[in-house]
Protein backbone atom coordinates (compact mmCIF):
# COMPACT_ATOMS: atom_id res chain seq x y z
CA THR A 1 10.87 -12.78 -20.60
CA HIS A 2 12.21 -9.77 -22.83
CA SER A 3 13.87 -7.78 -20.43
CA PRO A 4 15.76 -10.25 -18.10
CA GLU A 5 17.43 -7.55 -15.94
CA TRP A 6 14.73 -5.56 -15.10
CA SER A 7 12.56 -8.88 -13.87
CA ARG A 8 15.79 -9.85 -11.87
CA THR A 9 15.50 -6.34 -10.14
CA ALA A 10 11.62 -7.01 -9.40
CA GLU A 11 11.78 -10.66 -8.39
CA ALA A 12 14.60 -10.11 -6.06
CA LEU A 13 12.54 -7.84 -4.11
CA THR A 14 11.36 -9.03 -0.40
CA HIS A 15 8.26 -7.84 1.28
CA GLU A 16 6.73 -7.27 4.72
CA ALA A 17 3.40 -7.75 6.02
CA ILE A 18 0.56 -5.27 7.13
CA ALA A 19 -1.87 -6.33 9.74
CA THR A 20 -5.15 -4.78 10.46
CA VAL A 21 -7.39 -5.99 13.69
CA TYR A 22 -10.83 -4.70 13.45
CA LEU A 23 -12.42 -4.35 17.02
CA LYS A 24 -15.52 -3.48 18.08
CA ALA A 25 -16.91 -1.60 20.99
CA PRO A 26 -20.53 -0.87 22.52
CA ARG A 27 -19.97 3.05 22.59
CA LEU A 28 -17.40 5.17 21.25
CA PRO A 29 -16.41 8.29 23.06
CA HIS A 30 -17.70 11.35 21.26
CA ASP A 31 -14.20 12.90 21.37
CA LEU A 32 -12.45 10.18 19.97
CA ARG A 33 -10.50 11.34 16.87
CA SER A 34 -10.41 9.83 13.29
CA MET A 35 -7.04 8.64 14.04
CA VAL A 36 -4.77 8.03 16.94
CA ALA A 37 -1.21 7.35 17.25
CA LEU A 38 -0.70 4.49 19.78
CA PRO A 39 1.81 4.62 22.69
CA HIS A 40 4.78 2.40 22.07
CA LYS A 41 6.61 0.67 25.05
CA PRO A 42 10.28 0.01 24.06
CA ASP A 43 11.01 -2.04 27.09
CA ALA A 44 8.06 -4.37 26.02
CA PRO A 45 7.47 -3.83 22.56
CA HIS A 46 5.28 -7.16 21.81
CA THR A 47 2.29 -5.26 24.31
CA THR A 48 2.24 -2.74 21.78
CA PRO A 49 2.06 -4.19 18.12
CA ALA A 50 -0.19 -1.55 16.55
CA GLN A 51 1.24 2.11 15.79
CA PHE A 52 -2.47 3.46 14.63
CA VAL A 53 -6.05 2.91 15.43
CA PHE A 54 -8.51 4.50 12.81
CA ASN A 55 -11.92 5.32 14.25
CA ARG A 56 -14.26 4.26 11.33
CA GLU A 57 -17.31 5.23 12.93
CA ARG A 58 -16.48 8.71 12.40
CA LEU A 59 -14.64 7.96 9.21
CA LEU A 60 -17.35 6.01 7.62
CA GLY A 61 -20.20 5.70 9.95
CA GLN A 62 -19.44 2.18 11.34
CA ARG A 63 -20.90 2.23 14.53
CA GLY A 64 -18.29 1.14 17.51
CA LEU A 65 -15.82 0.09 14.80
CA LEU A 66 -11.87 0.61 15.17
CA ALA A 67 -9.33 -0.49 12.91
CA ALA A 68 -5.55 -0.91 14.37
CA VAL A 69 -2.94 -1.09 12.09
CA VAL A 70 0.33 -3.22 12.55
CA SER A 71 3.34 -2.29 10.29
CA ALA A 72 5.90 -5.00 9.71
CA CYS A 73 4.06 -7.56 11.06
CA GLN A 74 5.70 -11.13 11.82
CA ASP A 75 2.86 -12.79 14.14
CA SER A 76 0.09 -15.02 13.24
CA ARG A 77 -3.58 -13.66 13.45
CA ASP A 78 -4.06 -15.84 16.54
CA GLU A 79 -1.05 -14.04 18.81
CA LEU A 80 -1.78 -10.92 17.23
CA ALA A 81 -5.12 -9.99 17.82
CA PRO A 82 -5.44 -10.64 21.40
CA ARG A 83 -2.42 -8.31 22.01
CA VAL A 84 -3.90 -5.35 19.95
CA CYS A 85 -7.14 -5.29 21.57
CA ALA A 86 -5.26 -5.40 24.91
CA GLN A 87 -3.32 -2.39 23.59
CA VAL A 88 -6.45 -0.47 22.49
CA GLN A 89 -8.11 -1.27 25.21
CA GLU A 90 -5.06 0.42 27.64
CA ALA A 91 -4.63 3.37 25.30
CA LEU A 92 -8.46 4.44 24.82
CA GLN A 93 -9.50 2.67 28.29
CA LEU A 94 -12.10 1.23 26.46
CA PRO A 95 -12.55 -2.06 28.63
CA GLN A 96 -15.17 -3.85 26.37
CA LEU A 97 -13.42 -4.07 23.22
CA GLU A 98 -13.89 -7.28 21.07
CA VAL A 99 -12.08 -8.36 18.10
CA VAL A 100 -14.13 -8.48 14.98
CA GLN A 101 -11.61 -9.81 12.38
CA THR A 102 -7.99 -9.57 11.78
CA ILE A 103 -6.56 -9.31 8.01
CA VAL A 104 -3.03 -10.05 7.38
CA GLU A 105 -1.62 -8.52 4.18
CA LYS A 106 1.69 -10.74 3.57
CA ARG A 107 2.86 -8.72 0.67
CA ALA A 108 1.76 -5.21 1.88
CA THR A 109 4.70 -3.14 1.14
CA LEU A 110 8.46 -3.81 0.30
CA GLN A 111 11.11 -4.76 3.04
CA LEU A 112 13.28 -1.57 3.46
CA THR A 113 16.80 -2.67 3.53
CA PRO A 114 20.03 -1.24 2.82
CA GLU A 115 21.03 -0.53 -0.55
CA LEU A 116 17.48 -1.85 -1.86
CA GLN A 117 17.16 -1.61 -5.28
CA ARG A 118 13.80 -1.15 -7.15
CA PRO A 119 13.39 -1.71 -10.88
CA GLN A 120 12.89 1.42 -12.82
CA PRO A 121 9.80 2.32 -14.94
CA TYR A 122 11.15 1.42 -18.21
CA VAL A 123 10.91 -2.15 -18.93
CA LYS A 124 11.00 -2.50 -22.81
CA ALA A 125 10.35 -0.53 -25.84
CA HIS A 126 6.93 0.27 -25.63
CA TRP A 127 6.36 -1.16 -22.16
CA TRP A 128 6.55 0.78 -18.53
CA ALA A 129 5.72 -0.27 -15.34
CA CYS A 130 4.39 1.67 -12.17
CA GLY A 131 3.39 0.65 -8.66
CA ASP A 132 4.57 1.03 -5.27
CA TYR A 133 7.85 -1.10 -6.04
CA ILE A 134 8.97 1.05 -8.78
CA ALA A 135 11.99 3.09 -8.08
CA GLY A 136 11.37 6.93 -7.75
CA PRO A 137 11.52 9.67 -4.91
CA TYR A 138 8.89 7.87 -2.54
CA PRO A 139 9.16 4.76 -0.28
CA SER A 140 6.75 2.18 -0.88
CA THR A 141 3.73 3.98 -0.23
CA LEU A 142 0.00 4.64 -2.35
CA GLU A 143 1.52 8.06 -2.76
CA GLY A 144 4.87 6.67 -4.43
CA ALA A 145 2.35 4.39 -6.66
CA VAL A 146 0.35 7.04 -7.85
CA ARG A 147 2.90 9.17 -8.67
CA CYS A 148 4.85 6.60 -10.58
CA GLY A 149 1.34 5.86 -12.33
CA HIS A 150 0.91 9.68 -13.28
CA ASN A 151 4.88 9.59 -14.59
CA VAL A 152 4.31 6.91 -16.82
CA VAL A 153 1.00 8.15 -18.42
CA ALA A 154 3.38 11.56 -19.03
CA GLN A 155 6.10 9.39 -20.85
CA ASN A 156 3.33 7.54 -22.91
CA ARG A 157 1.62 10.91 -23.85
CA PHE A 158 5.53 12.14 -24.52
CA VAL A 159 6.47 9.16 -26.84
CA VAL A 160 3.04 9.02 -28.88
CA ARG A 161 3.38 12.79 -29.60
CA THR A 162 7.06 13.04 -30.29
CA GLN A 163 8.00 9.85 -32.24
CA GLY A 164 4.67 8.48 -33.07
CA VAL A 165 4.49 4.87 -32.94
CA ASP A 166 7.09 2.87 -35.01
CA GLN A 167 6.71 -0.10 -37.05
CA ALA A 168 7.42 -2.46 -34.27
CA GLY A 169 4.79 -1.12 -32.23
CA VAL A 170 0.99 -0.43 -31.95
CA LYS A 171 -0.69 0.57 -35.51
CA ALA A 172 -3.05 3.39 -33.57
CA VAL A 173 -3.20 4.71 -30.27
CA ASP A 174 -6.49 5.94 -28.28
CA LEU A 175 -5.07 8.90 -26.55
CA PHE A 176 -8.35 9.53 -24.70
CA ALA A 177 -7.96 6.08 -23.56
CA ILE A 178 -4.24 7.15 -22.43
CA HIS A 179 -5.70 10.10 -20.81
CA ARG A 180 -8.08 8.23 -18.77
CA ILE A 181 -5.07 5.42 -17.17
CA PRO A 182 -4.24 7.76 -14.16
CA GLN A 183 -7.75 6.79 -12.25
CA LEU A 184 -7.13 3.01 -13.00
CA LEU A 185 -3.54 3.21 -11.82
CA ALA A 186 -4.27 5.16 -8.75
CA PHE A 187 -6.80 2.31 -7.90
CA GLN A 188 -4.46 -0.71 -8.89
CA ALA A 189 -0.85 0.61 -8.10
CA GLY A 190 -0.91 -0.74 -4.58
CA LYS A 191 -1.73 -4.31 -5.81
CA GLN A 192 1.95 -4.25 -7.37
CA ASN A 193 0.76 -5.52 -10.72
CA VAL A 194 0.31 -2.63 -12.87
CA GLY A 195 1.77 -2.49 -16.38
CA ILE A 196 0.75 -0.45 -19.50
CA GLY A 197 2.47 0.10 -22.90
CA VAL A 198 1.79 1.54 -26.15
């Protein structure tokens, strides 16, 4: 690699899983909000693994469908799904829930550890990285990834306008293409694999 220090910092990051358990009910209450924070039982945390449930019927018109989200998930799908189903049944008083699907994204977010060091956006000459894993004022979130993308695009514009493209760089730059990049970054940044260069 051309930037070993940047690569070492990025490779040292550890990740945590986020799980989504999709649940189906014959009917949902008309007054069920779009998002509900689920109660947590400190004395029995294994019975309350999910933090939030989203009403996909209200949000997306998907009849009877709920999505319960479990952050920092360490359980297997088979262990998790029935516990989340029981938790949501009790919290929302929906006795006829059934599990439709469980998705576990194993590298969904960074593991927040003391003195966590995230790599900087600047990788090497003419290369910047952006994503939720890049150092910045926000934690590893979609908001942080999008802001990082906007900052990288602004940096690229500044370099092109003030310094031009040097002899070791690209011979021509399409400023219109650079201008359109924020939408691309906003879509891809959560995958932690976005890098652009001038």
